[in-house]
């Protein structure tokens, strides 16, 4: 697989997994770039080249890609719109909860750096480091992904059990609102995937989402 073929495959997966963010209806998505077809990236440099190329295409559309963790199996990429993420950090209960968990909520970039540290700690625990025995999976990432506060808290407090329904996330609060969001995300995933298959670039899709976000604001 050539670098251009790998780039196209990555961008196709990016659209499929992160369309709501590209469309401007969601603050962020988390995307695990593990394998592209039969090709698996084994070097950090290869991952970063692919992500940096995608970032250069999407910058004018207001979408940022940030690698949280690079593993032998791939890269965990956080795809977000800074303005939308900043709004989440201005929500009092969410900001306070994140601060209690050690997050720097002064800016989206600082908060993502805190999230990057939490994922490193989680990986450290998975590798059996006894010094990280209490480094559980950072479920608070749900707040940064735009999930409702009550649903994220419900998941944490109930260990993921007893939810009302499940879609993009597990619902413990307003079920009708969540189902409406799930339907919206599916619609935009189908729409953007179709546009991409017809030749639209990820940069053009991000620009469409930026216009949508301005209209909603």
Protein backbone atom coordinates (compact mmCIF):
# COMPACT_ATOMS: atom_id res chain seq x y z
CA UNK A 1 0.00 0.00 0.00
CA UNK A 2 1.41 3.38 -1.02
CA UNK A 3 1.33 6.41 1.29
CA UNK A 4 -1.42 7.98 -0.86
CA UNK A 5 -3.53 4.83 -0.66
CA UNK A 6 -3.02 4.71 3.10
CA UNK A 7 -4.00 8.39 3.32
CA UNK A 8 -7.23 7.80 1.43
CA UNK A 9 -8.12 4.79 3.56
CA UNK A 10 -7.45 6.75 6.74
CA UNK A 11 -9.63 9.63 5.55
CA UNK A 12 -12.44 7.26 4.60
CA UNK A 13 -12.37 5.80 8.11
CA UNK A 14 -12.15 9.28 9.58
CA UNK A 15 -15.37 10.28 7.80
CA UNK A 16 -17.14 7.09 8.87
CA UNK A 17 -16.17 7.41 12.54
CA UNK A 18 -16.10 11.20 12.97
CA UNK A 19 -18.77 12.52 10.58
CA UNK A 20 -20.83 14.24 13.35
CA UNK A 21 -17.83 16.40 14.25
CA UNK A 22 -17.03 17.14 10.63
CA UNK A 23 -20.70 18.03 10.12
CA UNK A 24 -20.61 20.53 12.99
CA UNK A 25 -23.30 18.78 15.08
CA UNK A 26 -20.95 17.27 17.68
CA UNK A 27 -17.98 18.68 19.58
CA UNK A 28 -15.63 15.75 19.04
CA UNK A 29 -15.11 12.10 18.20
CA UNK A 30 -12.50 9.56 19.21
CA UNK A 31 -11.02 7.52 16.39
CA UNK A 32 -8.80 4.45 16.69
CA UNK A 33 -6.57 4.21 13.62
CA UNK A 34 -5.36 0.66 14.04
CA UNK A 35 -5.22 -0.81 10.56
CA UNK A 36 -5.81 0.47 7.05
CA UNK A 37 -6.97 -2.45 5.00
CA UNK A 38 -4.37 -5.15 5.44
CA UNK A 39 -1.73 -2.57 6.24
CA UNK A 40 -0.88 -1.89 9.88
CA UNK A 41 1.25 1.11 10.81
CA UNK A 42 4.13 0.08 13.00
CA UNK A 43 5.94 3.39 13.35
CA UNK A 44 4.99 6.58 15.15
CA UNK A 45 6.37 8.57 12.25
CA UNK A 46 4.02 6.85 9.81
CA UNK A 47 0.99 7.58 12.00
CA UNK A 48 1.96 11.21 12.42
CA UNK A 49 2.54 11.73 8.71
CA UNK A 50 -0.95 10.46 7.89
CA UNK A 51 -2.61 12.52 10.65
CA UNK A 52 -0.64 15.66 9.81
CA UNK A 53 -1.67 15.42 6.16
CA UNK A 54 -5.33 15.11 7.16
CA UNK A 55 -4.97 18.00 9.59
CA UNK A 56 -3.58 20.30 6.90
CA UNK A 57 -6.68 19.63 4.80
CA UNK A 58 -9.15 20.28 7.63
CA UNK A 59 -7.60 23.28 9.38
CA UNK A 60 -9.61 25.89 7.45
CA UNK A 61 -12.78 23.99 8.32
CA UNK A 62 -12.13 24.42 12.04
CA UNK A 63 -11.43 20.74 12.79
CA UNK A 64 -8.37 19.68 14.78
CA UNK A 65 -6.82 16.20 14.97
CA UNK A 66 -4.76 15.32 18.03
CA UNK A 67 -3.02 11.99 18.65
CA UNK A 68 -3.71 10.93 22.23
CA UNK A 69 -1.80 7.66 22.29
CA UNK A 70 0.49 5.89 19.86
CA UNK A 71 0.72 2.14 20.31
CA UNK A 72 2.25 -0.67 18.27
CA UNK A 73 -1.26 -1.47 17.06
CA UNK A 74 -2.09 2.06 15.95
CA UNK A 75 -2.95 5.58 17.05
CA UNK A 76 -5.86 6.91 19.11
CA UNK A 77 -6.90 10.21 17.51
CA UNK A 78 -9.11 12.87 19.09
CA UNK A 79 -10.98 14.84 16.41
CA UNK A 80 -12.61 18.04 17.64
CA UNK A 81 -13.87 21.56 17.03
CA UNK A 82 -12.17 23.91 19.55
CA UNK A 83 -15.13 26.30 19.81
CA UNK A 84 -17.57 23.50 20.60
CA UNK A 85 -15.17 21.93 23.10
CA UNK A 86 -14.67 25.30 24.79
CA UNK A 87 -18.45 25.50 25.31
CA UNK A 88 -18.38 22.12 27.07
CA UNK A 89 -15.61 23.32 29.36
CA UNK A 90 -17.73 26.34 30.28
CA UNK A 91 -20.47 24.05 31.64
CA UNK A 92 -20.07 24.38 35.41
CA UNK A 93 -20.70 20.76 36.55
CA UNK A 94 -18.58 19.32 33.75
CA UNK A 95 -15.71 21.73 34.38
CA UNK A 96 -15.77 21.01 38.12
CA UNK A 97 -15.83 17.24 37.65
CA UNK A 98 -12.94 17.37 35.19
CA UNK A 99 -10.94 19.58 37.54
CA UNK A 100 -11.56 17.12 40.38
CA UNK A 101 -10.06 14.44 38.14
CA UNK A 102 -6.94 16.51 37.56
CA UNK A 103 -7.80 18.14 34.25
CA UNK A 104 -6.62 21.59 33.23
CA UNK A 105 -9.83 23.17 31.89
CA UNK A 106 -8.31 26.56 31.04
CA UNK A 107 -8.43 25.79 27.31
CA UNK A 108 -9.37 22.94 24.96
CA UNK A 109 -5.68 22.31 24.23
CA UNK A 110 -4.76 22.12 27.93
CA UNK A 111 -7.68 19.80 28.62
CA UNK A 112 -6.68 17.48 25.79
CA UNK A 113 -3.15 17.34 27.16
CA UNK A 114 -4.66 16.23 30.49
CA UNK A 115 -6.68 13.58 28.63
CA UNK A 116 -3.51 12.43 26.87
CA UNK A 117 -1.85 11.95 30.28
CA UNK A 118 -4.84 9.95 31.55
CA UNK A 119 -4.66 7.59 28.59
CA UNK A 120 -0.93 7.14 29.12
CA UNK A 121 -1.63 6.23 32.74
CA UNK A 122 -4.32 3.76 31.67
CA UNK A 123 -1.94 2.13 29.19
CA UNK A 124 0.67 1.95 31.94
CA UNK A 125 -1.74 0.02 34.15
CA UNK A 126 -2.62 -2.38 31.32
CA UNK A 127 1.08 -3.14 30.99
CA UNK A 128 1.10 -4.25 34.63
CA UNK A 129 2.90 -1.34 36.26
CA UNK A 130 1.96 -1.59 39.96
CA UNK A 131 2.54 2.13 40.42
CA UNK A 132 -0.52 2.78 38.24
CA UNK A 133 -2.91 0.40 40.01
CA UNK A 134 -5.59 3.08 40.31
CA UNK A 135 -5.35 4.40 36.78
CA UNK A 136 -8.70 3.24 35.42
CA UNK A 137 -10.07 3.96 31.95
CA UNK A 138 -10.85 7.71 31.73
CA UNK A 139 -14.63 7.46 31.34
CA UNK A 140 -14.82 11.22 31.86
CA UNK A 141 -13.79 11.44 28.21
CA UNK A 142 -17.53 11.18 27.55
CA UNK A 143 -17.90 14.79 28.66
CA UNK A 144 -15.33 15.93 26.11
CA UNK A 145 -17.14 13.90 23.46
CA UNK A 146 -20.26 15.94 24.13
CA UNK A 147 -22.26 13.27 25.95
CA UNK A 148 -24.84 14.69 28.42
CA UNK A 149 -23.46 15.22 31.90
CA UNK A 150 -26.14 13.05 33.55
CA UNK A 151 -25.38 10.16 31.20
CA UNK A 152 -21.65 10.26 31.84
CA UNK A 153 -22.23 10.43 35.61
CA UNK A 154 -24.81 7.64 35.37
CA UNK A 155 -22.35 5.42 33.54
CA UNK A 156 -19.59 6.06 36.09
CA UNK A 157 -21.85 5.69 39.15
CA UNK A 158 -23.48 2.49 37.86
CA UNK A 159 -20.39 0.86 36.33
CA UNK A 160 -22.07 0.93 32.93
CA UNK A 161 -25.10 -1.06 34.10
CA UNK A 162 -28.81 -0.24 34.24
CA UNK A 163 -28.98 2.17 31.30
CA UNK A 164 -32.27 3.09 29.63
CA UNK A 165 -30.93 2.56 26.10
CA UNK A 166 -27.66 2.45 24.21
CA UNK A 167 -26.54 4.25 21.06
CA UNK A 168 -23.44 6.38 20.68
CA UNK A 169 -23.36 6.26 24.49
CA UNK A 170 -25.33 4.63 27.30
CA UNK A 171 -28.31 6.74 28.36
CA UNK A 172 -29.31 7.34 31.99
CA UNK A 173 -31.06 10.70 31.63
CA UNK A 174 -33.21 12.11 28.82
CA UNK A 175 -33.87 9.14 26.53
CA UNK A 176 -35.81 11.07 23.86
CA UNK A 177 -33.09 13.70 23.54
CA UNK A 178 -30.42 11.02 23.25
CA UNK A 179 -32.30 9.06 20.58
CA UNK A 180 -32.76 12.27 18.60
CA UNK A 181 -29.00 12.85 18.76
CA UNK A 182 -28.26 9.26 17.70
CA UNK A 183 -30.55 9.67 14.68
CA UNK A 184 -28.87 12.98 13.79
CA UNK A 185 -25.40 11.43 13.96
CA UNK A 186 -26.44 8.50 11.75
CA UNK A 187 -27.93 10.87 9.20
CA UNK A 188 -24.76 12.93 8.94
CA UNK A 189 -22.57 9.82 8.82
CA UNK A 190 -24.54 8.52 5.83
CA UNK A 191 -24.57 11.95 4.17
CA UNK A 192 -20.87 12.72 4.56
CA UNK A 193 -19.80 9.19 3.65
CA UNK A 194 -21.80 9.51 0.43
CA UNK A 195 -20.28 12.92 -0.35
CA UNK A 196 -16.78 11.56 0.30
CA UNK A 197 -17.39 8.57 -1.98
CA UNK A 198 -18.49 11.03 -4.68
CA UNK A 199 -15.17 12.89 -4.46
CA UNK A 200 -15.63 15.53 -1.76
CA UNK A 201 -12.43 16.06 0.26
CA UNK A 202 -12.33 15.96 4.05
CA UNK A 203 -11.43 19.64 3.92
CA UNK A 204 -14.62 20.41 2.02
CA UNK A 205 -16.66 18.34 4.48
CA UNK A 206 -15.13 20.22 7.40
CA UNK A 207 -15.99 23.54 5.74
CA UNK A 208 -19.63 22.42 5.40
CA UNK A 209 -19.64 21.62 9.10
CA UNK A 210 -18.13 24.97 9.98
CA UNK A 211 -21.00 26.71 8.17
CA UNK A 212 -23.51 24.52 10.04
CA UNK A 213 -21.90 25.35 13.37
CA UNK A 214 -22.05 29.09 12.67
CA UNK A 215 -25.73 28.78 11.75
CA UNK A 216 -26.53 26.86 14.95
CA UNK A 217 -24.61 29.41 17.05
